[in-house]
């Protein structure tokens, strides 16, 4: 589905807050945090100024990709209650301004990463932007209920990039950090999709609950949560972390799985009675922050 309609009630000049909103600040906070954790957990050291620059580039790249996402999906966002007040569907920004802002942010982030940090970090950052803005937004999301499964890679790149910024190479540990977020993404988003599925249906987005139904979605939430428990323990299993991370991952992931059980085993429910789904979604955000905090704490103790 392409974005072909433009808002007709644009109010200019736009405020800086509208451009900031294009970067999806809540999502960016998680991106910046996991990227910083990848940088701090990596073996070796990086100058604080260069470390700050690397994280700034990750944030700019994520913000630019988010702006391009909203540029492309402006007409879709206008049909969904939770996104209708964004700058583009509400008419506070012109679509071409959002597009240009996104492209500028994306290009600048890759260029600075290339010049100041490392060519490999710049390549992975560029690929992550293309992955989210093109592969996920333009191709996967409007076409397949597996959009979140495959598209989960878009949000899994930051710790990998942070790690590369320090070491200049890709090893098993950063790939496992990528895998943790990749596996975490489906149960996180499907828990949300279960209680806002009407929004997705109205917008014509083939999210799993809309296409495959609640029963299948619930079973997959439970299955991915079980896999997440196993994957989250792999950094400890291969000797890449110590007991602080290992015990934390076991406790946090076990609770994640426990909260997914009532979601996975429930029958269809009205959206206003989905307390287990909302509880799992809320915890899933806390889970990722807590898990990566434990990763950094473990690294600090070991060093």
C-alpha atoms as a PDB file:
ATOM      1  CA  UNK A   1       0.000   0.000   0.000  1.00  0.00           C
ATOM      2  CA  UNK A   2       1.505   3.318  -0.953  1.00  0.00           C
ATOM      3  CA  UNK A   3       0.977   6.671   0.654  1.00  0.00           C
ATOM      4  CA  UNK A   4      -0.781   8.750  -1.964  1.00  0.00           C
ATOM      5  CA  UNK A   5      -2.964  11.238  -0.124  1.00  0.00           C
ATOM      6  CA  UNK A   6      -1.740  14.399   1.547  1.00  0.00           C
ATOM      7  CA  UNK A   7      -3.276  16.326   4.406  1.00  0.00           C
ATOM      8  CA  UNK A   8      -5.205  19.380   3.277  1.00  0.00           C
ATOM      9  CA  UNK A   9      -5.108  21.368   6.492  1.00  0.00           C
ATOM     10  CA  UNK A  10      -1.382  21.922   6.911  1.00  0.00           C
ATOM     11  CA  UNK A  11      -0.554  24.741   9.314  1.00  0.00           C
ATOM     12  CA  UNK A  12       2.801  26.388   8.696  1.00  0.00           C
ATOM     13  CA  UNK A  13       5.284  27.104  10.052  1.00  0.00           C
ATOM     14  CA  UNK A  14       5.513  23.816  11.913  1.00  0.00           C
ATOM     15  CA  UNK A  15       6.881  23.738  15.443  1.00  0.00           C
ATOM     16  CA  UNK A  16      10.074  21.949  16.385  1.00  0.00           C
ATOM     17  CA  UNK A  17       7.936  19.633  18.513  1.00  0.00           C
ATOM     18  CA  UNK A  18       6.305  18.301  15.360  1.00  0.00           C
ATOM     19  CA  UNK A  19       9.650  17.343  13.859  1.00  0.00           C
ATOM     20  CA  UNK A  20      10.699  15.834  17.173  1.00  0.00           C
ATOM     21  CA  UNK A  21       7.476  13.788  17.206  1.00  0.00           C
ATOM     22  CA  UNK A  22       8.440  12.364  13.812  1.00  0.00           C
ATOM     23  CA  UNK A  23      11.396  10.620  15.466  1.00  0.00           C
ATOM     24  CA  UNK A  24       9.055   8.579  17.728  1.00  0.00           C
ATOM     25  CA  UNK A  25      10.759   9.633  20.995  1.00  0.00           C
ATOM     26  CA  UNK A  26       9.441   6.708  23.056  1.00  0.00           C
ATOM     27  CA  UNK A  27      10.805   4.188  20.600  1.00  0.00           C
ATOM     28  CA  UNK A  28      14.035   6.150  20.285  1.00  0.00           C
ATOM     29  CA  UNK A  29      14.579   6.027  24.041  1.00  0.00           C
ATOM     30  CA  UNK A  30      14.680   2.234  23.862  1.00  0.00           C
ATOM     31  CA  UNK A  31      16.898   2.358  20.773  1.00  0.00           C
ATOM     32  CA  UNK A  32      19.366   4.707  22.460  1.00  0.00           C
ATOM     33  CA  UNK A  33      19.354   2.647  25.647  1.00  0.00           C
ATOM     34  CA  UNK A  34      20.047  -0.711  23.986  1.00  0.00           C
ATOM     35  CA  UNK A  35      22.647   0.884  21.719  1.00  0.00           C
ATOM     36  CA  UNK A  36      24.386   2.386  24.751  1.00  0.00           C
ATOM     37  CA  UNK A  37      24.255  -0.953  26.551  1.00  0.00           C
ATOM     38  CA  UNK A  38      25.840  -2.671  23.556  1.00  0.00           C
ATOM     39  CA  UNK A  39      28.599  -0.064  23.592  1.00  0.00           C
ATOM     40  CA  UNK A  40      29.199  -0.331  27.351  1.00  0.00           C
ATOM     41  CA  UNK A  41      29.096  -4.133  27.395  1.00  0.00           C
ATOM     42  CA  UNK A  42      31.584  -4.539  24.559  1.00  0.00           C
ATOM     43  CA  UNK A  43      35.148  -5.539  25.437  1.00  0.00           C
ATOM     44  CA  UNK A  44      37.682  -2.767  25.076  1.00  0.00           C
ATOM     45  CA  UNK A  45      37.226   0.963  25.442  1.00  0.00           C
ATOM     46  CA  UNK A  46      36.145   3.941  23.395  1.00  0.00           C
ATOM     47  CA  UNK A  47      36.816   7.628  24.020  1.00  0.00           C
ATOM     48  CA  UNK A  48      33.784   9.218  25.713  1.00  0.00           C
ATOM     49  CA  UNK A  49      33.401  11.777  22.927  1.00  0.00           C
ATOM     50  CA  UNK A  50      33.450   9.066  20.275  1.00  0.00           C
ATOM     51  CA  UNK A  51      31.082   6.939  22.348  1.00  0.00           C
ATOM     52  CA  UNK A  52      28.649   9.847  22.590  1.00  0.00           C
ATOM     53  CA  UNK A  53      28.980  10.407  18.850  1.00  0.00           C
ATOM     54  CA  UNK A  54      28.213   6.768  18.108  1.00  0.00           C
ATOM     55  CA  UNK A  55      25.067   6.833  20.266  1.00  0.00           C
ATOM     56  CA  UNK A  56      24.029  10.148  18.705  1.00  0.00           C
ATOM     57  CA  UNK A  57      24.371   8.569  15.257  1.00  0.00           C
ATOM     58  CA  UNK A  58      22.240   5.598  16.339  1.00  0.00           C
ATOM     59  CA  UNK A  59      19.589   8.000  17.652  1.00  0.00           C
ATOM     60  CA  UNK A  60      19.651  10.110  14.490  1.00  0.00           C
ATOM     61  CA  UNK A  61      19.420   7.044  12.292  1.00  0.00           C
ATOM     62  CA  UNK A  62      16.474   5.698  14.262  1.00  0.00           C
ATOM     63  CA  UNK A  63      14.776   9.091  14.203  1.00  0.00           C
ATOM     64  CA  UNK A  64      15.312   9.475  10.487  1.00  0.00           C
ATOM     65  CA  UNK A  65      13.897   6.025   9.778  1.00  0.00           C
ATOM     66  CA  UNK A  66      10.892   6.788  12.001  1.00  0.00           C
ATOM     67  CA  UNK A  67      10.243  10.006  10.087  1.00  0.00           C
ATOM     68  CA  UNK A  68      10.348   8.131   6.789  1.00  0.00           C
ATOM     69  CA  UNK A  69       7.990   5.542   8.277  1.00  0.00           C
ATOM     70  CA  UNK A  70       5.470   8.256   9.174  1.00  0.00           C
ATOM     71  CA  UNK A  71       5.874   9.958   5.798  1.00  0.00           C
ATOM     72  CA  UNK A  72       5.003   6.730   4.009  1.00  0.00           C
ATOM     73  CA  UNK A  73       2.170   5.763   6.359  1.00  0.00           C
ATOM     74  CA  UNK A  74       0.494   9.149   6.780  1.00  0.00           C
ATOM     75  CA  UNK A  75      -2.771   7.952   5.251  1.00  0.00           C
ATOM     76  CA  UNK A  76      -2.719   4.753   7.343  1.00  0.00           C
ATOM     77  CA  UNK A  77      -1.990   6.667  10.553  1.00  0.00           C
ATOM     78  CA  UNK A  78      -5.013   8.877   9.861  1.00  0.00           C
ATOM     79  CA  UNK A  79      -7.274   5.804  10.103  1.00  0.00           C
ATOM     80  CA  UNK A  80      -5.986   4.611  13.487  1.00  0.00           C
ATOM     81  CA  UNK A  81      -7.027   6.151  16.803  1.00  0.00           C
ATOM     82  CA  UNK A  82      -3.625   5.811  18.442  1.00  0.00           C
ATOM     83  CA  UNK A  83      -1.769   7.483  15.534  1.00  0.00           C
ATOM     84  CA  UNK A  84      -4.313   9.979  14.173  1.00  0.00           C
ATOM     85  CA  UNK A  85      -2.835  12.845  16.200  1.00  0.00           C
ATOM     86  CA  UNK A  86       0.656  12.471  14.780  1.00  0.00           C
ATOM     87  CA  UNK A  87       2.004  15.550  12.927  1.00  0.00           C
ATOM     88  CA  UNK A  88       1.193  14.331   9.403  1.00  0.00           C
ATOM     89  CA  UNK A  89      -2.353  12.935   9.728  1.00  0.00           C
ATOM     90  CA  UNK A  90      -3.321  15.896  11.926  1.00  0.00           C
ATOM     91  CA  UNK A  91      -2.085  18.301   9.246  1.00  0.00           C
ATOM     92  CA  UNK A  92       0.642  20.018  11.272  1.00  0.00           C
ATOM     93  CA  UNK A  93       3.383  19.054   8.812  1.00  0.00           C
ATOM     94  CA  UNK A  94       3.649  18.657   5.067  1.00  0.00           C
ATOM     95  CA  UNK A  95       4.550  15.183   3.854  1.00  0.00           C
ATOM     96  CA  UNK A  96       7.486  16.393   1.799  1.00  0.00           C
ATOM     97  CA  UNK A  97       8.946  18.112   4.855  1.00  0.00           C
ATOM     98  CA  UNK A  98       8.739  14.865   6.827  1.00  0.00           C
ATOM     99  CA  UNK A  99      10.356  12.977   3.958  1.00  0.00           C
ATOM    100  CA  UNK A 100      13.201  15.482   3.617  1.00  0.00           C
ATOM    101  CA  UNK A 101      13.746  15.564   7.379  1.00  0.00           C
ATOM    102  CA  UNK A 102      13.926  11.773   7.510  1.00  0.00           C
ATOM    103  CA  UNK A 103      16.358  11.533   4.616  1.00  0.00           C
ATOM    104  CA  UNK A 104      18.593  14.269   6.042  1.00  0.00           C
ATOM    105  CA  UNK A 105      18.708  12.680   9.500  1.00  0.00           C
ATOM    106  CA  UNK A 106      19.412   9.244   8.036  1.00  0.00           C
ATOM    107  CA  UNK A 107      22.160  10.396   5.681  1.00  0.00           C
ATOM    108  CA  UNK A 108      23.832  12.550   8.345  1.00  0.00           C
ATOM    109  CA  UNK A 109      23.863   9.709  10.874  1.00  0.00           C
ATOM    110  CA  UNK A 110      25.565   7.304   8.481  1.00  0.00           C
ATOM    111  CA  UNK A 111      28.074   9.907   7.280  1.00  0.00           C
ATOM    112  CA  UNK A 112      29.149  10.910  10.791  1.00  0.00           C
ATOM    113  CA  UNK A 113      29.370   7.261  11.873  1.00  0.00           C
ATOM    114  CA  UNK A 114      31.574   6.540   8.859  1.00  0.00           C
ATOM    115  CA  UNK A 115      33.894   9.501   9.419  1.00  0.00           C
ATOM    116  CA  UNK A 116      34.112   9.475  13.208  1.00  0.00           C
ATOM    117  CA  UNK A 117      33.668   5.850  14.282  1.00  0.00           C
ATOM    118  CA  UNK A 118      34.054   2.874  11.934  1.00  0.00           C
ATOM    119  CA  UNK A 119      33.058   1.865   8.437  1.00  0.00           C
ATOM    120  CA  UNK A 120      31.420  -1.383   9.613  1.00  0.00           C
ATOM    121  CA  UNK A 121      29.284   0.462  12.163  1.00  0.00           C
ATOM    122  CA  UNK A 122      28.229   2.876   9.410  1.00  0.00           C
ATOM    123  CA  UNK A 123      27.313   0.017   7.054  1.00  0.00           C
ATOM    124  CA  UNK A 124      25.191  -1.749   9.688  1.00  0.00           C
ATOM    125  CA  UNK A 125      23.539   1.550  10.641  1.00  0.00           C
ATOM    126  CA  UNK A 126      22.696   2.260   6.993  1.00  0.00           C
ATOM    127  CA  UNK A 127      21.263  -1.229   6.578  1.00  0.00           C
ATOM    128  CA  UNK A 128      19.164  -0.836   9.743  1.00  0.00           C
ATOM    129  CA  UNK A 129      17.634   2.371   8.351  1.00  0.00           C
ATOM    130  CA  UNK A 130      16.827   0.722   5.029  1.00  0.00           C
ATOM    131  CA  UNK A 131      15.487  -2.325   6.860  1.00  0.00           C
ATOM    132  CA  UNK A 132      12.988  -0.262   8.841  1.00  0.00           C
ATOM    133  CA  UNK A 133      12.049   2.420   6.321  1.00  0.00           C
ATOM    134  CA  UNK A 134      11.916   0.236   3.200  1.00  0.00           C
ATOM    135  CA  UNK A 135      11.881  -3.503   3.962  1.00  0.00           C
ATOM    136  CA  UNK A 136       9.524  -3.280   6.942  1.00  0.00           C
ATOM    137  CA  UNK A 137       7.478  -0.118   6.307  1.00  0.00           C
ATOM    138  CA  UNK A 138       7.038  -0.239   2.544  1.00  0.00           C
ATOM    139  CA  UNK A 139       7.192  -3.961   1.857  1.00  0.00           C
ATOM    140  CA  UNK A 140       6.418  -6.214   4.825  1.00  0.00           C
ATOM    141  CA  UNK A 141       3.935  -4.283   6.956  1.00  0.00           C
ATOM    142  CA  UNK A 142       1.171  -3.879   4.343  1.00  0.00           C
ATOM    143  CA  UNK A 143       1.613  -7.351   2.847  1.00  0.00           C
ATOM    144  CA  UNK A 144       2.108 -10.082   5.425  1.00  0.00           C
ATOM    145  CA  UNK A 145       1.048 -10.951   8.993  1.00  0.00           C
ATOM    146  CA  UNK A 146       4.680 -11.949   9.499  1.00  0.00           C
ATOM    147  CA  UNK A 147       5.597  -8.247   9.285  1.00  0.00           C
ATOM    148  CA  UNK A 148       6.524  -8.034  12.952  1.00  0.00           C
ATOM    149  CA  UNK A 149       8.444 -11.325  12.923  1.00  0.00           C
ATOM    150  CA  UNK A 150      10.693 -10.384  10.007  1.00  0.00           C
ATOM    151  CA  UNK A 151      10.577  -6.674  10.729  1.00  0.00           C
ATOM    152  CA  UNK A 152      11.708  -7.290  14.293  1.00  0.00           C
ATOM    153  CA  UNK A 153      15.247  -7.048  13.043  1.00  0.00           C
ATOM    154  CA  UNK A 154      14.789  -3.305  12.561  1.00  0.00           C
ATOM    155  CA  UNK A 155      14.768  -2.665  16.300  1.00  0.00           C
ATOM    156  CA  UNK A 156      17.430  -5.248  17.070  1.00  0.00           C
ATOM    157  CA  UNK A 157      20.355  -3.447  15.436  1.00  0.00           C
ATOM    158  CA  UNK A 158      21.262  -0.784  18.083  1.00  0.00           C
ATOM    159  CA  UNK A 159      23.213  -3.012  20.527  1.00  0.00           C
ATOM    160  CA  UNK A 160      24.983  -4.607  17.574  1.00  0.00           C
ATOM    161  CA  UNK A 161      25.992  -1.182  16.254  1.00  0.00           C
ATOM    162  CA  UNK A 162      27.072  -0.028  19.708  1.00  0.00           C
ATOM    163  CA  UNK A 163      29.244  -3.121  20.081  1.00  0.00           C
ATOM    164  CA  UNK A 164      30.827  -2.625  16.653  1.00  0.00           C
ATOM    165  CA  UNK A 165      31.579   1.022  17.499  1.00  0.00           C
ATOM    166  CA  UNK A 166      33.908  -0.223  20.245  1.00  0.00           C
ATOM    167  CA  UNK A 167      35.358  -3.400  18.754  1.00  0.00           C
ATOM    168  CA  UNK A 168      35.120  -2.864  15.007  1.00  0.00           C
ATOM    169  CA  UNK A 169      33.903  -6.425  14.503  1.00  0.00           C
ATOM    170  CA  UNK A 170      30.875  -8.687  14.722  1.00  0.00           C
ATOM    171  CA  UNK A 171      31.164 -11.642  17.094  1.00  0.00           C
ATOM    172  CA  UNK A 172      28.777 -14.095  18.735  1.00  0.00           C
ATOM    173  CA  UNK A 173      27.862 -11.837  21.671  1.00  0.00           C
ATOM    174  CA  UNK A 174      26.443  -8.877  19.716  1.00  0.00           C
ATOM    175  CA  UNK A 175      24.618 -11.303  17.443  1.00  0.00           C
ATOM    176  CA  UNK A 176      22.975 -12.821  20.526  1.00  0.00           C
ATOM    177  CA  UNK A 177      21.962  -9.356  21.721  1.00  0.00           C
ATOM    178  CA  UNK A 178      20.414  -8.846  18.291  1.00  0.00           C
ATOM    179  CA  UNK A 179      18.649 -12.203  18.593  1.00  0.00           C
ATOM    180  CA  UNK A 180      17.188 -11.362  22.004  1.00  0.00           C
ATOM    181  CA  UNK A 181      15.461  -8.230  20.701  1.00  0.00           C
ATOM    182  CA  UNK A 182      14.471 -10.029  17.493  1.00  0.00           C
ATOM    183  CA  UNK A 183      12.677 -12.779  19.465  1.00  0.00           C
ATOM    184  CA  UNK A 184      11.274 -10.298  22.002  1.00  0.00           C
ATOM    185  CA  UNK A 185       9.581  -8.173  19.328  1.00  0.00           C
ATOM    186  CA  UNK A 186       6.708 -10.507  18.245  1.00  0.00           C
ATOM    187  CA  UNK A 187       5.236 -11.159  21.715  1.00  0.00           C
ATOM    188  CA  UNK A 188       5.744  -7.497  22.611  1.00  0.00           C
ATOM    189  CA  UNK A 189       3.873  -6.169  19.565  1.00  0.00           C
ATOM    190  CA  UNK A 190       1.288  -8.928  19.332  1.00  0.00           C
ATOM    191  CA  UNK A 191       0.283  -8.312  22.946  1.00  0.00           C
ATOM    192  CA  UNK A 192      -0.413  -4.725  21.879  1.00  0.00           C
ATOM    193  CA  UNK A 193      -2.087  -5.810  18.628  1.00  0.00           C
ATOM    194  CA  UNK A 194      -4.532  -8.020  20.524  1.00  0.00           C
ATOM    195  CA  UNK A 195      -6.162  -5.072  22.272  1.00  0.00           C
ATOM    196  CA  UNK A 196      -5.913  -2.574  19.382  1.00  0.00           C
ATOM    197  CA  UNK A 197      -6.691  -5.013  16.562  1.00  0.00           C
ATOM    198  CA  UNK A 198      -9.693  -2.923  15.467  1.00  0.00           C
ATOM    199  CA  UNK A 199      -7.307  -0.080  14.637  1.00  0.00           C
ATOM    200  CA  UNK A 200      -5.198  -2.356  12.448  1.00  0.00           C
ATOM    201  CA  UNK A 201      -8.279  -3.824  10.778  1.00  0.00           C
ATOM    202  CA  UNK A 202      -9.668  -0.367  10.001  1.00  0.00           C
ATOM    203  CA  UNK A 203      -6.344   0.680   8.497  1.00  0.00           C
ATOM    204  CA  UNK A 204      -6.039  -2.487   6.401  1.00  0.00           C
ATOM    205  CA  UNK A 205      -2.823  -3.638   8.087  1.00  0.00           C
ATOM    206  CA  UNK A 206      -2.528  -7.466   8.077  1.00  0.00           C
ATOM    207  CA  UNK A 207      -1.405  -7.749  11.683  1.00  0.00           C
ATOM    208  CA  UNK A 208      -1.488 -11.296  13.027  1.00  0.00           C
ATOM    209  CA  UNK A 209      -4.700 -11.013  15.134  1.00  0.00           C
ATOM    210  CA  UNK A 210      -6.532  -9.537  12.133  1.00  0.00           C
ATOM    211  CA  UNK A 211      -5.418 -12.120   9.574  1.00  0.00           C
ATOM    212  CA  UNK A 212      -4.723 -15.311  11.526  1.00  0.00           C
ATOM    213  CA  UNK A 213      -7.136 -14.658  14.366  1.00  0.00           C
ATOM    214  CA  UNK A 214      -6.715 -14.313  18.106  1.00  0.00           C
ATOM    215  CA  UNK A 215      -6.218 -18.004  18.848  1.00  0.00           C
ATOM    216  CA  UNK A 216      -3.219 -18.389  16.560  1.00  0.00           C
ATOM    217  CA  UNK A 217      -1.744 -15.099  17.754  1.00  0.00           C
ATOM    218  CA  UNK A 218      -2.061 -16.076  21.398  1.00  0.00           C
ATOM    219  CA  UNK A 219      -0.380 -19.418  20.816  1.00  0.00           C
ATOM    220  CA  UNK A 220       2.491 -17.701  19.009  1.00  0.00           C
ATOM    221  CA  UNK A 221       2.914 -15.171  21.820  1.00  0.00           C
ATOM    222  CA  UNK A 222       3.385 -18.069  24.211  1.00  0.00           C
ATOM    223  CA  UNK A 223       5.745 -19.920  21.854  1.00  0.00           C
ATOM    224  CA  UNK A 224       7.975 -16.888  21.255  1.00  0.00           C
ATOM    225  CA  UNK A 225       8.071 -16.175  24.990  1.00  0.00           C
ATOM    226  CA  UNK A 226       9.381 -19.689  25.596  1.00  0.00           C
ATOM    227  CA  UNK A 227      12.039 -19.246  22.913  1.00  0.00           C
ATOM    228  CA  UNK A 228      12.975 -15.878  24.441  1.00  0.00           C
ATOM    229  CA  UNK A 229      13.713 -17.570  27.750  1.00  0.00           C
ATOM    230  CA  UNK A 230      16.191 -19.893  26.057  1.00  0.00           C
ATOM    231  CA  UNK A 231      17.803 -17.237  23.841  1.00  0.00           C
ATOM    232  CA  UNK A 232      18.226 -14.747  26.691  1.00  0.00           C
ATOM    233  CA  UNK A 233      20.362 -17.302  28.559  1.00  0.00           C
ATOM    234  CA  UNK A 234      22.734 -17.964  25.653  1.00  0.00           C
ATOM    235  CA  UNK A 235      25.130 -15.065  26.408  1.00  0.00           C
ATOM    236  CA  UNK A 236      25.665 -16.647  29.834  1.00  0.00           C
ATOM    237  CA  UNK A 237      25.855 -20.160  28.403  1.00  0.00           C
ATOM    238  CA  UNK A 238      28.680 -19.277  26.008  1.00  0.00           C
ATOM    239  CA  UNK A 239      30.657 -17.514  28.733  1.00  0.00           C
ATOM    240  CA  UNK A 240      30.082 -14.023  27.373  1.00  0.00           C
ATOM    241  CA  UNK A 241      28.604 -12.802  30.668  1.00  0.00           C
ATOM    242  CA  UNK A 242      28.773 -13.641  34.345  1.00  0.00           C
ATOM    243  CA  UNK A 243      26.243 -14.670  36.963  1.00  0.00           C
ATOM    244  CA  UNK A 244      24.728 -11.203  37.386  1.00  0.00           C
ATOM    245  CA  UNK A 245      23.394 -11.283  33.854  1.00  0.00           C
ATOM    246  CA  UNK A 246      22.644 -15.006  33.913  1.00  0.00           C
ATOM    247  CA  UNK A 247      20.529 -14.955  37.072  1.00  0.00           C
ATOM    248  CA  UNK A 248      18.795 -11.745  35.984  1.00  0.00           C
ATOM    249  CA  UNK A 249      17.997 -13.165  32.546  1.00  0.00           C
ATOM    250  CA  UNK A 250      16.605 -16.339  34.084  1.00  0.00           C
ATOM    251  CA  UNK A 251      14.357 -14.438  36.501  1.00  0.00           C
ATOM    252  CA  UNK A 252      13.201 -11.778  34.042  1.00  0.00           C
ATOM    253  CA  UNK A 253      12.540 -14.214  31.198  1.00  0.00           C
ATOM    254  CA  UNK A 254      10.754 -16.689  33.450  1.00  0.00           C
ATOM    255  CA  UNK A 255       8.402 -13.919  34.559  1.00  0.00           C
ATOM    256  CA  UNK A 256       7.910 -12.921  30.897  1.00  0.00           C
ATOM    257  CA  UNK A 257       6.911 -16.490  30.105  1.00  0.00           C
ATOM    258  CA  UNK A 258       4.649 -16.677  33.160  1.00  0.00           C
ATOM    259  CA  UNK A 259       2.823 -13.499  32.085  1.00  0.00           C
ATOM    260  CA  UNK A 260       2.440 -14.873  28.552  1.00  0.00           C
ATOM    261  CA  UNK A 261       0.707 -18.064  29.759  1.00  0.00           C
ATOM    262  CA  UNK A 262      -2.687 -16.458  30.497  1.00  0.00           C
ATOM    263  CA  UNK A 263      -2.400 -14.567  27.206  1.00  0.00           C
ATOM    264  CA  UNK A 264      -1.595 -17.689  25.230  1.00  0.00           C
ATOM    265  CA  UNK A 265      -4.280 -19.874  26.792  1.00  0.00           C
ATOM    266  CA  UNK A 266      -7.182 -17.409  26.823  1.00  0.00           C
ATOM    267  CA  UNK A 267     -10.008 -17.461  24.329  1.00  0.00           C
ATOM    268  CA  UNK A 268     -11.088 -14.391  22.362  1.00  0.00           C
ATOM    269  CA  UNK A 269     -11.912 -11.423  24.577  1.00  0.00           C
ATOM    270  CA  UNK A 270     -13.393  -7.940  24.077  1.00  0.00           C
ATOM    271  CA  UNK A 271     -10.633  -5.344  23.787  1.00  0.00           C
ATOM    272  CA  UNK A 272     -11.681  -3.626  27.015  1.00  0.00           C
ATOM    273  CA  UNK A 273     -11.203  -6.829  29.048  1.00  0.00           C
ATOM    274  CA  UNK A 274      -7.682  -7.759  27.981  1.00  0.00           C
ATOM    275  CA  UNK A 275      -5.856  -7.126  31.256  1.00  0.00           C
ATOM    276  CA  UNK A 276      -3.364 -10.034  30.820  1.00  0.00           C
ATOM    277  CA  UNK A 277      -2.464  -8.738  27.344  1.00  0.00           C
ATOM    278  CA  UNK A 278      -1.954  -5.191  28.614  1.00  0.00           C
ATOM    279  CA  UNK A 279       0.044  -6.513  31.571  1.00  0.00           C
ATOM    280  CA  UNK A 280       2.341  -8.482  29.268  1.00  0.00           C
ATOM    281  CA  UNK A 281       2.810  -5.514  26.947  1.00  0.00           C
ATOM    282  CA  UNK A 282       3.704  -3.212  29.829  1.00  0.00           C
ATOM    283  CA  UNK A 283       6.114  -5.713  31.350  1.00  0.00           C
ATOM    284  CA  UNK A 284       7.749  -6.415  27.983  1.00  0.00           C
ATOM    285  CA  UNK A 285       9.112  -2.853  27.895  1.00  0.00           C
ATOM    286  CA  UNK A 286      10.378  -3.059  31.474  1.00  0.00           C
ATOM    287  CA  UNK A 287      11.869  -6.468  30.660  1.00  0.00           C
ATOM    288  CA  UNK A 288      14.149  -5.175  27.914  1.00  0.00           C
ATOM    289  CA  UNK A 289      15.380  -2.231  29.992  1.00  0.00           C
ATOM    290  CA  UNK A 290      16.042  -4.513  32.971  1.00  0.00           C
ATOM    291  CA  UNK A 291      17.762  -7.216  30.942  1.00  0.00           C
ATOM    292  CA  UNK A 292      20.179  -4.824  29.244  1.00  0.00           C
ATOM    293  CA  UNK A 293      20.825  -3.028  32.525  1.00  0.00           C
ATOM    294  CA  UNK A 294      21.872  -6.391  33.971  1.00  0.00           C
ATOM    295  CA  UNK A 295      24.145  -6.908  30.958  1.00  0.00           C
ATOM    296  CA  UNK A 296      25.974  -3.641  31.621  1.00  0.00           C
ATOM    297  CA  UNK A 297      26.139  -4.248  35.373  1.00  0.00           C
ATOM    298  CA  UNK A 298      27.658  -7.653  34.720  1.00  0.00           C
ATOM    299  CA  UNK A 299      30.247  -6.134  32.409  1.00  0.00           C
ATOM    300  CA  UNK A 300      31.178  -3.470  34.973  1.00  0.00           C
ATOM    301  CA  UNK A 301      31.723  -6.103  37.660  1.00  0.00           C
ATOM    302  CA  UNK A 302      33.769  -8.338  35.394  1.00  0.00           C
ATOM    303  CA  UNK A 303      35.996  -5.477  34.294  1.00  0.00           C
END
